[in-house]
Amino acid sequence: MMQKILQKTTILLIAIILLGLTLSACSASEPELDIDAQKTGFAQTADIQASQTAEARPTSTETPIPSPTYTPTVTATSTPILTPTESNGAQQPPTTGSDAAAWLANDPPDNTKFAPGEALTVTWTIENVGSSTWTTSYYVQFATGEQMGAIEKIFLPYPVPPERNVQISIDFIAPESTGSKRSDWKLVNANDVAFYDFYIVIDVVSSGE
């Protein structure tokens, strides 16, 4: 009996000694942790990640602000006042009063040559030198001389305020007879009162002259 107890006790001690040796061997084989090395590694890893993040961000470039450009403004202008031009005929001098006019030019000029029966258009430029505005109820009317196929009465194409001018165009046909031909016209207001006279003189010549 006593011998069995000793055997069990011996086996238990041997088992405890072997377990102790095994634990000691395992403890000796585990490497010791280097705390400073871990800190250094962590710092290097953080630096690398920060560098990669900075490289991945798009670089901001300054967008140039365009310099302002000047756009000229176009303004409407009234009909220009023409300077009187020379004419071979003596046109009427300017009149005075609320309804007053002055001849500035006629195209073609006086004494231009045309063949018998030739069509022509005469354009007079007449300035309003009075104080009233000529409305479209004002008109020009044939007075005397050669009518040359023109219509007798023509209303102004647009209102003409003071210090502005109007261009009046009339279609003619040169007479069949040769020689100097004159056509006289009047400028008439809305009350049918004539207040200015003007005319055209042409030379009708046969071919070869």
Protein backbone atom coordinates (compact mmCIF):
# COMPACT_ATOMS: atom_id res chain seq x y z
CA MET A 1 0.00 0.00 0.00
CA MET A 2 2.66 2.40 1.02
CA GLN A 3 4.65 1.47 -2.00
CA LYS A 4 1.81 2.38 -4.36
CA ILE A 5 1.45 5.80 -2.74
CA LEU A 6 5.15 6.48 -3.23
CA GLN A 7 4.94 5.44 -6.88
CA LYS A 8 2.01 7.80 -7.51
CA THR A 9 3.80 10.61 -5.73
CA THR A 10 6.94 9.99 -7.77
CA ILE A 11 4.99 10.01 -11.05
CA LEU A 12 3.23 13.25 -10.07
CA LEU A 13 6.51 14.99 -9.26
CA ILE A 14 8.03 13.84 -12.51
CA ALA A 15 5.00 15.19 -14.37
CA ILE A 16 5.27 18.54 -12.54
CA ILE A 17 9.00 18.77 -13.35
CA LEU A 18 8.42 17.97 -17.04
CA LEU A 19 5.63 20.57 -17.24
CA GLY A 20 7.89 23.14 -15.65
CA LEU A 21 10.68 22.39 -18.10
CA THR A 22 8.26 22.66 -21.05
CA LEU A 23 6.94 26.05 -19.91
CA SER A 24 10.46 27.32 -19.37
CA ALA A 25 11.50 26.29 -22.86
CA CYS A 26 8.49 28.02 -24.41
CA SER A 27 9.19 31.19 -22.46
CA ALA A 28 12.84 31.21 -23.56
CA SER A 29 11.92 30.78 -27.24
CA GLU A 30 9.57 33.83 -27.38
CA PRO A 31 11.48 36.92 -28.59
CA GLU A 32 11.47 40.01 -26.46
CA LEU A 33 9.49 42.93 -27.95
CA ASP A 34 11.49 46.07 -28.83
CA ILE A 35 9.19 48.95 -27.84
CA ASP A 36 11.41 51.62 -29.49
CA ALA A 37 11.53 49.68 -32.76
CA GLN A 38 7.75 49.46 -32.78
CA LYS A 39 7.43 53.22 -32.26
CA THR A 40 9.88 53.86 -35.11
CA GLY A 41 7.95 51.54 -37.45
CA PHE A 42 4.66 53.16 -36.61
CA ALA A 43 6.12 56.62 -37.33
CA GLN A 44 7.57 55.53 -40.70
CA THR A 45 4.26 53.95 -41.71
CA ALA A 46 2.39 57.16 -40.83
CA ASP A 47 4.85 59.23 -42.90
CA ILE A 48 4.43 56.97 -45.93
CA GLN A 49 0.65 57.10 -45.71
CA ALA A 50 0.68 60.90 -45.37
CA SER A 51 2.98 61.20 -48.42
CA GLN A 52 0.73 58.92 -50.52
CA THR A 53 -2.37 60.90 -49.48
CA ALA A 54 -0.73 64.19 -50.46
CA GLU A 55 0.27 62.78 -53.87
CA ALA A 56 -3.26 61.52 -54.49
CA ARG A 57 -4.80 64.97 -53.91
CA PRO A 58 -5.24 67.07 -57.11
CA THR A 59 -3.07 70.14 -57.15
CA SER A 60 -5.10 73.34 -57.29
CA THR A 61 -4.19 75.67 -60.16
CA GLU A 62 -5.15 79.32 -60.25
CA THR A 63 -7.77 80.06 -62.92
CA PRO A 64 -6.87 83.30 -64.73
CA ILE A 65 -9.60 85.96 -64.61
CA PRO A 66 -10.22 87.32 -68.15
CA SER A 67 -9.63 91.02 -68.48
CA PRO A 68 -12.77 93.00 -69.34
CA THR A 69 -13.15 93.99 -72.98
CA TYR A 70 -14.79 97.17 -74.20
CA THR A 71 -17.75 96.80 -76.55
CA PRO A 72 -18.59 100.00 -78.35
CA THR A 73 -22.21 101.08 -78.18
CA VAL A 74 -23.83 101.91 -81.44
CA THR A 75 -26.11 104.94 -81.22
CA ALA A 76 -28.65 106.05 -83.77
CA THR A 77 -27.91 109.28 -85.56
CA SER A 78 -30.28 111.59 -87.30
CA THR A 79 -30.16 112.39 -90.99
CA PRO A 80 -26.95 114.38 -91.64
CA ILE A 81 -27.15 117.93 -92.87
CA LEU A 82 -25.54 118.25 -96.28
CA THR A 83 -23.41 121.15 -97.42
CA PRO A 84 -24.82 123.03 -100.43
CA THR A 85 -23.14 122.02 -103.68
CA GLU A 86 -22.65 124.03 -106.85
CA SER A 87 -25.32 123.88 -109.52
CA ASN A 88 -25.32 125.30 -113.00
CA GLY A 89 -28.77 126.71 -112.27
CA ALA A 90 -29.61 129.32 -109.63
CA GLN A 91 -31.92 127.61 -107.15
CA GLN A 92 -34.24 129.56 -104.87
CA PRO A 93 -32.54 131.15 -101.82
CA PRO A 94 -33.64 129.94 -98.37
CA THR A 95 -37.00 131.15 -97.13
CA THR A 96 -37.85 132.33 -93.60
CA GLY A 97 -40.69 131.72 -91.13
CA SER A 98 -42.09 128.67 -89.38
CA ASP A 99 -42.22 126.83 -92.73
CA ALA A 100 -38.88 127.59 -94.35
CA ALA A 101 -36.60 125.61 -96.63
CA ALA A 102 -33.19 125.75 -98.30
CA TRP A 103 -31.93 123.82 -101.34
CA LEU A 104 -28.80 121.78 -100.69
CA ALA A 105 -28.30 119.67 -103.80
CA ASN A 106 -29.90 117.91 -106.74
CA ASP A 107 -28.72 114.76 -108.49
CA PRO A 108 -28.11 114.76 -111.39
CA PRO A 109 -26.91 118.36 -111.44
CA ASP A 110 -28.57 120.92 -113.67
CA ASN A 111 -27.80 120.86 -117.41
CA THR A 112 -26.98 117.15 -117.48
CA LYS A 113 -27.45 115.74 -121.00
CA PHE A 114 -30.10 113.13 -121.80
CA ALA A 115 -31.32 111.57 -125.04
CA PRO A 116 -34.89 112.16 -126.19
CA GLY A 117 -37.29 109.82 -124.40
CA GLU A 118 -34.62 108.70 -121.88
CA ALA A 119 -35.86 107.89 -118.36
CA LEU A 120 -34.21 109.69 -115.45
CA THR A 121 -34.70 110.15 -111.72
CA VAL A 122 -33.95 113.48 -110.07
CA THR A 123 -33.31 113.61 -106.30
CA TRP A 124 -33.39 116.94 -104.48
CA THR A 125 -31.98 117.39 -100.98
CA ILE A 126 -33.81 120.17 -99.15
CA GLU A 127 -33.20 121.31 -95.57
CA ASN A 128 -35.80 122.43 -93.05
CA VAL A 129 -34.53 125.82 -91.87
CA GLY A 130 -37.79 126.87 -90.19
CA SER A 131 -39.24 126.16 -86.75
CA SER A 132 -42.00 123.69 -87.69
CA THR A 133 -41.67 119.99 -88.37
CA TRP A 134 -42.61 118.92 -91.88
CA THR A 135 -44.99 116.00 -91.50
CA THR A 136 -45.87 113.40 -94.11
CA SER A 137 -48.86 115.61 -94.93
CA TYR A 138 -46.41 118.04 -96.57
CA TYR A 139 -45.85 117.42 -100.27
CA VAL A 140 -44.16 118.63 -103.44
CA GLN A 141 -46.23 119.58 -106.46
CA PHE A 142 -45.51 120.33 -110.10
CA ALA A 143 -45.73 124.09 -110.78
CA THR A 144 -44.65 125.12 -114.29
CA GLY A 145 -42.39 124.20 -117.17
CA GLU A 146 -41.88 120.68 -118.46
CA GLN A 147 -43.61 118.02 -116.37
CA MET A 148 -41.79 115.33 -118.38
CA GLY A 149 -44.13 112.49 -117.49
CA ALA A 150 -43.79 112.97 -113.70
CA ILE A 151 -46.71 112.56 -111.32
CA GLU A 152 -48.13 115.88 -110.20
CA LYS A 153 -48.06 115.48 -106.39
CA ILE A 154 -45.69 113.56 -104.08
CA PHE A 155 -45.94 113.48 -100.26
CA LEU A 156 -42.83 113.60 -98.08
CA PRO A 157 -41.51 110.11 -97.25
CA TYR A 158 -40.88 110.86 -93.54
CA PRO A 159 -41.22 113.70 -90.98
CA VAL A 160 -38.49 116.34 -91.19
CA PRO A 161 -37.79 118.31 -87.98
CA PRO A 162 -36.00 121.68 -88.00
CA GLU A 163 -32.31 121.61 -89.01
CA ARG A 164 -32.73 118.27 -90.79
CA ASN A 165 -33.11 117.52 -94.48
CA VAL A 166 -35.20 115.38 -96.77
CA GLN A 167 -34.44 113.73 -100.10
CA ILE A 168 -37.24 113.96 -102.64
CA SER A 169 -36.97 111.76 -105.74
CA ILE A 170 -39.10 112.18 -108.87
CA ASP A 171 -39.06 110.04 -112.02
CA PHE A 172 -39.02 111.83 -115.39
CA ILE A 173 -38.87 111.01 -119.09
CA ALA A 174 -36.88 113.42 -121.24
CA PRO A 175 -39.00 115.14 -123.93
CA GLU A 176 -38.63 114.03 -127.55
CA SER A 177 -37.67 117.55 -128.60
CA THR A 178 -34.08 118.63 -128.04
CA GLY A 179 -32.87 121.64 -126.11
CA SER A 180 -32.83 122.92 -122.52
CA LYS A 181 -35.83 121.72 -120.50
CA ARG A 182 -36.83 123.06 -117.06
CA SER A 183 -39.31 121.58 -114.59
CA ASP A 184 -40.44 123.77 -111.63
CA TRP A 185 -41.84 122.36 -108.39
CA LYS A 186 -43.21 123.70 -105.07
CA LEU A 187 -42.94 122.50 -101.48
CA VAL A 188 -46.37 122.74 -99.84
CA ASN A 189 -47.40 122.43 -96.17
CA ALA A 190 -50.32 120.49 -94.65
CA ASN A 191 -52.62 123.51 -95.17
CA ASP A 192 -51.90 123.47 -98.92
CA VAL A 193 -49.79 126.63 -98.69
CA ALA A 194 -46.70 126.61 -100.91
CA PHE A 195 -43.60 128.03 -99.20
CA TYR A 196 -40.61 127.03 -101.35
CA ASP A 197 -39.79 126.66 -105.08
CA PHE A 198 -37.15 124.44 -106.67
CA TYR A 199 -36.51 122.98 -110.13
CA ILE A 200 -34.38 120.85 -112.48
CA VAL A 201 -32.87 121.82 -115.82
CA ILE A 202 -31.75 119.14 -118.30
CA ASP A 203 -30.32 119.28 -121.83
CA VAL A 204 -32.03 116.97 -124.29
CA VAL A 205 -29.64 116.16 -127.11
CA SER A 206 -29.82 113.83 -130.08
CA SER A 207 -27.32 110.99 -130.37
CA GLY A 208 -23.86 112.13 -131.46
CA GLU A 209 -24.07 115.60 -129.92
